[in-house]
Amino acid sequence: MAPPGKKSPWTALAELSSIGVAMVLATVIGFAGGYWLGTEPWLLLIGLGFGIAAGFVMLFRSVSKAGREIDDSK
C-alpha cells in the first residue's frame, strides 16, 4: 500500500495506460464520424484530423498534469 497522500504504482500505471487508449479512441471516433457522414474522402479526412488533434490535446494535458504533480511533491 502507498502511504497516505501518495499514489500507488497501480494508479500511476492506470493513468499512463489511459493516455494510449484515449488517443486511439479519439482517432477512431473522428475517423468513424467522418465516414458516417458519407462524403468520402473529405469529411473522413477532416474527422480523422480532428480525432488525432483531440488525442494529442489529451496527451499534452495529461503530461502537464503529471509534471505539476511531480513539482508539487518536491
N, C-alpha and C. Protein backbone atom coordinates (compact mmCIF):
# COMPACT_ATOMS: atom_id res chain seq x y z
N MET A 1 0.84 -1.19 0.00
CA MET A 1 0.00 0.00 0.00
C MET A 1 0.87 1.24 0.00
N ALA A 2 0.38 2.24 -0.67
CA ALA A 2 1.09 3.52 -0.71
C ALA A 2 0.78 4.31 0.55
N PRO A 3 1.76 5.07 1.02
CA PRO A 3 1.49 5.91 2.18
C PRO A 3 0.41 6.94 1.87
N PRO A 4 -0.27 7.44 2.89
CA PRO A 4 -1.31 8.45 2.65
C PRO A 4 -0.73 9.66 1.92
N GLY A 5 -1.46 10.14 0.93
CA GLY A 5 -1.02 11.29 0.17
C GLY A 5 -0.19 10.95 -1.06
N LYS A 6 0.21 9.69 -1.21
CA LYS A 6 0.99 9.27 -2.38
C LYS A 6 0.17 8.28 -3.19
N LYS A 7 0.41 8.28 -4.49
CA LYS A 7 -0.29 7.36 -5.38
C LYS A 7 0.43 6.02 -5.39
N SER A 8 -0.36 4.97 -5.52
CA SER A 8 0.25 3.65 -5.64
C SER A 8 0.78 3.47 -7.07
N PRO A 9 1.70 2.55 -7.26
CA PRO A 9 2.20 2.29 -8.62
C PRO A 9 1.09 1.84 -9.57
N TRP A 10 0.09 1.15 -9.07
CA TRP A 10 -1.01 0.70 -9.92
C TRP A 10 -1.84 1.88 -10.42
N THR A 11 -2.01 2.89 -9.59
CA THR A 11 -2.74 4.07 -10.01
C THR A 11 -1.97 4.81 -11.10
N ALA A 12 -0.67 4.93 -10.94
CA ALA A 12 0.15 5.58 -11.96
C ALA A 12 0.11 4.79 -13.26
N LEU A 13 0.16 3.46 -13.18
CA LEU A 13 0.10 2.63 -14.37
C LEU A 13 -1.24 2.79 -15.07
N ALA A 14 -2.32 2.87 -14.32
CA ALA A 14 -3.64 3.05 -14.91
C ALA A 14 -3.74 4.39 -15.62
N GLU A 15 -3.18 5.44 -15.03
CA GLU A 15 -3.22 6.75 -15.67
C GLU A 15 -2.41 6.75 -16.96
N LEU A 16 -1.25 6.12 -16.96
CA LEU A 16 -0.42 6.07 -18.17
C LEU A 16 -1.07 5.25 -19.28
N SER A 17 -1.68 4.14 -18.92
CA SER A 17 -2.31 3.33 -19.95
C SER A 17 -3.56 4.00 -20.52
N SER A 18 -4.21 4.81 -19.72
CA SER A 18 -5.40 5.51 -20.23
C SER A 18 -5.04 6.54 -21.29
N ILE A 19 -3.83 7.06 -21.28
CA ILE A 19 -3.41 8.03 -22.28
C ILE A 19 -3.40 7.37 -23.66
N GLY A 20 -2.82 6.19 -23.76
CA GLY A 20 -2.78 5.48 -25.04
C GLY A 20 -4.16 5.09 -25.54
N VAL A 21 -4.99 4.62 -24.63
CA VAL A 21 -6.35 4.23 -25.01
C VAL A 21 -7.13 5.45 -25.49
N ALA A 22 -6.97 6.58 -24.80
CA ALA A 22 -7.70 7.79 -25.17
C ALA A 22 -7.26 8.30 -26.55
N MET A 23 -5.97 8.21 -26.86
CA MET A 23 -5.50 8.65 -28.17
C MET A 23 -6.09 7.78 -29.28
N VAL A 24 -6.10 6.49 -29.09
CA VAL A 24 -6.64 5.59 -30.10
C VAL A 24 -8.15 5.80 -30.26
N LEU A 25 -8.86 5.91 -29.16
CA LEU A 25 -10.31 6.11 -29.24
C LEU A 25 -10.67 7.43 -29.91
N ALA A 26 -9.95 8.50 -29.60
CA ALA A 26 -10.23 9.79 -30.23
C ALA A 26 -10.02 9.71 -31.73
N THR A 27 -8.97 9.04 -32.16
CA THR A 27 -8.70 8.89 -33.59
C THR A 27 -9.77 8.05 -34.27
N VAL A 28 -10.15 6.95 -33.66
CA VAL A 28 -11.16 6.07 -34.25
C VAL A 28 -12.52 6.77 -34.31
N ILE A 29 -12.88 7.49 -33.26
CA ILE A 29 -14.16 8.20 -33.25
C ILE A 29 -14.19 9.29 -34.32
N GLY A 30 -13.08 10.03 -34.47
CA GLY A 30 -13.01 11.04 -35.52
C GLY A 30 -13.12 10.43 -36.90
N PHE A 31 -12.43 9.33 -37.13
CA PHE A 31 -12.48 8.62 -38.41
C PHE A 31 -13.89 8.11 -38.68
N ALA A 32 -14.50 7.47 -37.68
CA ALA A 32 -15.85 6.91 -37.86
C ALA A 32 -16.88 8.01 -38.10
N GLY A 33 -16.71 9.14 -37.40
CA GLY A 33 -17.63 10.25 -37.61
C GLY A 33 -17.54 10.79 -39.03
N GLY A 34 -16.34 10.92 -39.56
CA GLY A 34 -16.17 11.37 -40.93
C GLY A 34 -16.71 10.37 -41.93
N TYR A 35 -16.52 9.09 -41.65
CA TYR A 35 -17.02 8.04 -42.54
C TYR A 35 -18.54 7.99 -42.52
N TRP A 36 -19.13 8.17 -41.35
CA TRP A 36 -20.58 8.09 -41.18
C TRP A 36 -21.29 9.20 -41.93
N LEU A 37 -20.67 10.37 -42.04
CA LEU A 37 -21.29 11.48 -42.75
C LEU A 37 -21.35 11.22 -44.25
N GLY A 38 -20.55 10.32 -44.75
CA GLY A 38 -20.70 9.81 -46.10
C GLY A 38 -20.09 10.63 -47.22
N THR A 39 -19.38 11.68 -46.94
CA THR A 39 -18.78 12.46 -48.02
C THR A 39 -17.30 12.15 -48.10
N GLU A 40 -17.02 10.91 -48.47
CA GLU A 40 -15.64 10.46 -48.56
C GLU A 40 -14.96 11.16 -49.71
N PRO A 41 -13.73 11.48 -49.69
CA PRO A 41 -12.78 11.33 -48.61
C PRO A 41 -12.66 12.57 -47.73
N TRP A 42 -13.34 13.68 -48.08
CA TRP A 42 -13.03 14.95 -47.41
C TRP A 42 -13.44 14.98 -45.95
N LEU A 43 -14.68 14.71 -45.64
CA LEU A 43 -15.07 14.75 -44.22
C LEU A 43 -14.45 13.61 -43.43
N LEU A 44 -14.13 12.51 -44.09
CA LEU A 44 -13.43 11.42 -43.43
C LEU A 44 -12.04 11.90 -42.99
N LEU A 45 -11.34 12.59 -43.87
CA LEU A 45 -10.01 13.11 -43.51
C LEU A 45 -10.09 14.22 -42.48
N ILE A 46 -11.11 15.06 -42.57
CA ILE A 46 -11.28 16.13 -41.57
C ILE A 46 -11.59 15.52 -40.21
N GLY A 47 -12.49 14.53 -40.17
CA GLY A 47 -12.80 13.85 -38.91
C GLY A 47 -11.58 13.15 -38.33
N LEU A 48 -10.79 12.52 -39.20
CA LEU A 48 -9.57 11.87 -38.75
C LEU A 48 -8.60 12.90 -38.16
N GLY A 49 -8.47 14.03 -38.83
CA GLY A 49 -7.59 15.10 -38.32
C GLY A 49 -8.04 15.62 -36.97
N PHE A 50 -9.36 15.83 -36.81
CA PHE A 50 -9.88 16.28 -35.51
C PHE A 50 -9.66 15.22 -34.43
N GLY A 51 -9.81 13.96 -34.78
CA GLY A 51 -9.58 12.89 -33.81
C GLY A 51 -8.14 12.83 -33.36
N ILE A 52 -7.22 12.97 -34.31
CA ILE A 52 -5.79 12.97 -33.96
C ILE A 52 -5.46 14.18 -33.10
N ALA A 53 -6.00 15.34 -33.47
CA ALA A 53 -5.75 16.56 -32.68
C ALA A 53 -6.30 16.41 -31.26
N ALA A 54 -7.49 15.83 -31.12
CA ALA A 54 -8.06 15.63 -29.79
C ALA A 54 -7.20 14.68 -28.96
N GLY A 55 -6.67 13.65 -29.60
CA GLY A 55 -5.78 12.72 -28.88
C GLY A 55 -4.54 13.41 -28.37
N PHE A 56 -3.93 14.27 -29.19
CA PHE A 56 -2.74 14.98 -28.74
C PHE A 56 -3.05 16.01 -27.66
N VAL A 57 -4.22 16.64 -27.73
CA VAL A 57 -4.61 17.58 -26.67
C VAL A 57 -4.72 16.83 -25.35
N MET A 58 -5.33 15.65 -25.36
CA MET A 58 -5.43 14.85 -24.13
C MET A 58 -4.05 14.43 -23.64
N LEU A 59 -3.15 14.09 -24.56
CA LEU A 59 -1.79 13.71 -24.19
C LEU A 59 -1.08 14.87 -23.51
N PHE A 60 -1.13 16.05 -24.10
CA PHE A 60 -0.45 17.20 -23.52
C PHE A 60 -1.03 17.59 -22.17
N ARG A 61 -2.35 17.51 -22.02
CA ARG A 61 -2.97 17.81 -20.72
C ARG A 61 -2.52 16.82 -19.65
N SER A 62 -2.44 15.55 -20.00
CA SER A 62 -2.01 14.53 -19.04
C SER A 62 -0.56 14.74 -18.64
N VAL A 63 0.29 15.06 -19.61
CA VAL A 63 1.71 15.27 -19.32
C VAL A 63 1.89 16.51 -18.45
N SER A 64 1.17 17.58 -18.74
CA SER A 64 1.32 18.78 -17.91
C SER A 64 0.78 18.55 -16.50
N LYS A 65 -0.30 17.78 -16.37
CA LYS A 65 -0.83 17.46 -15.05
C LYS A 65 0.18 16.63 -14.25
N ALA A 66 0.80 15.65 -14.91
CA ALA A 66 1.80 14.82 -14.24
C ALA A 66 3.01 15.67 -13.85
N GLY A 67 3.40 16.60 -14.69
CA GLY A 67 4.52 17.49 -14.36
C GLY A 67 4.23 18.35 -13.15
N ARG A 68 3.00 18.87 -13.06
CA ARG A 68 2.63 19.68 -11.90
C ARG A 68 2.62 18.83 -10.64
N GLU A 69 2.14 17.58 -10.73
CA GLU A 69 2.12 16.71 -9.55
C GLU A 69 3.54 16.38 -9.10
N ILE A 70 4.46 16.21 -10.02
CA ILE A 70 5.83 15.94 -9.65
C ILE A 70 6.45 17.16 -8.96
N ASP A 71 6.17 18.36 -9.51
CA ASP A 71 6.70 19.58 -8.90
C ASP A 71 6.12 19.81 -7.52
N ASP A 72 4.84 19.48 -7.32
CA ASP A 72 4.21 19.66 -6.01
C ASP A 72 4.74 18.69 -4.98
N SER A 73 5.20 17.52 -5.42
CA SER A 73 5.69 16.51 -4.46
C SER A 73 7.10 16.82 -3.95
N LYS A 74 7.79 17.73 -4.60
CA LYS A 74 9.17 18.06 -4.18
C LYS A 74 9.18 19.01 -3.02
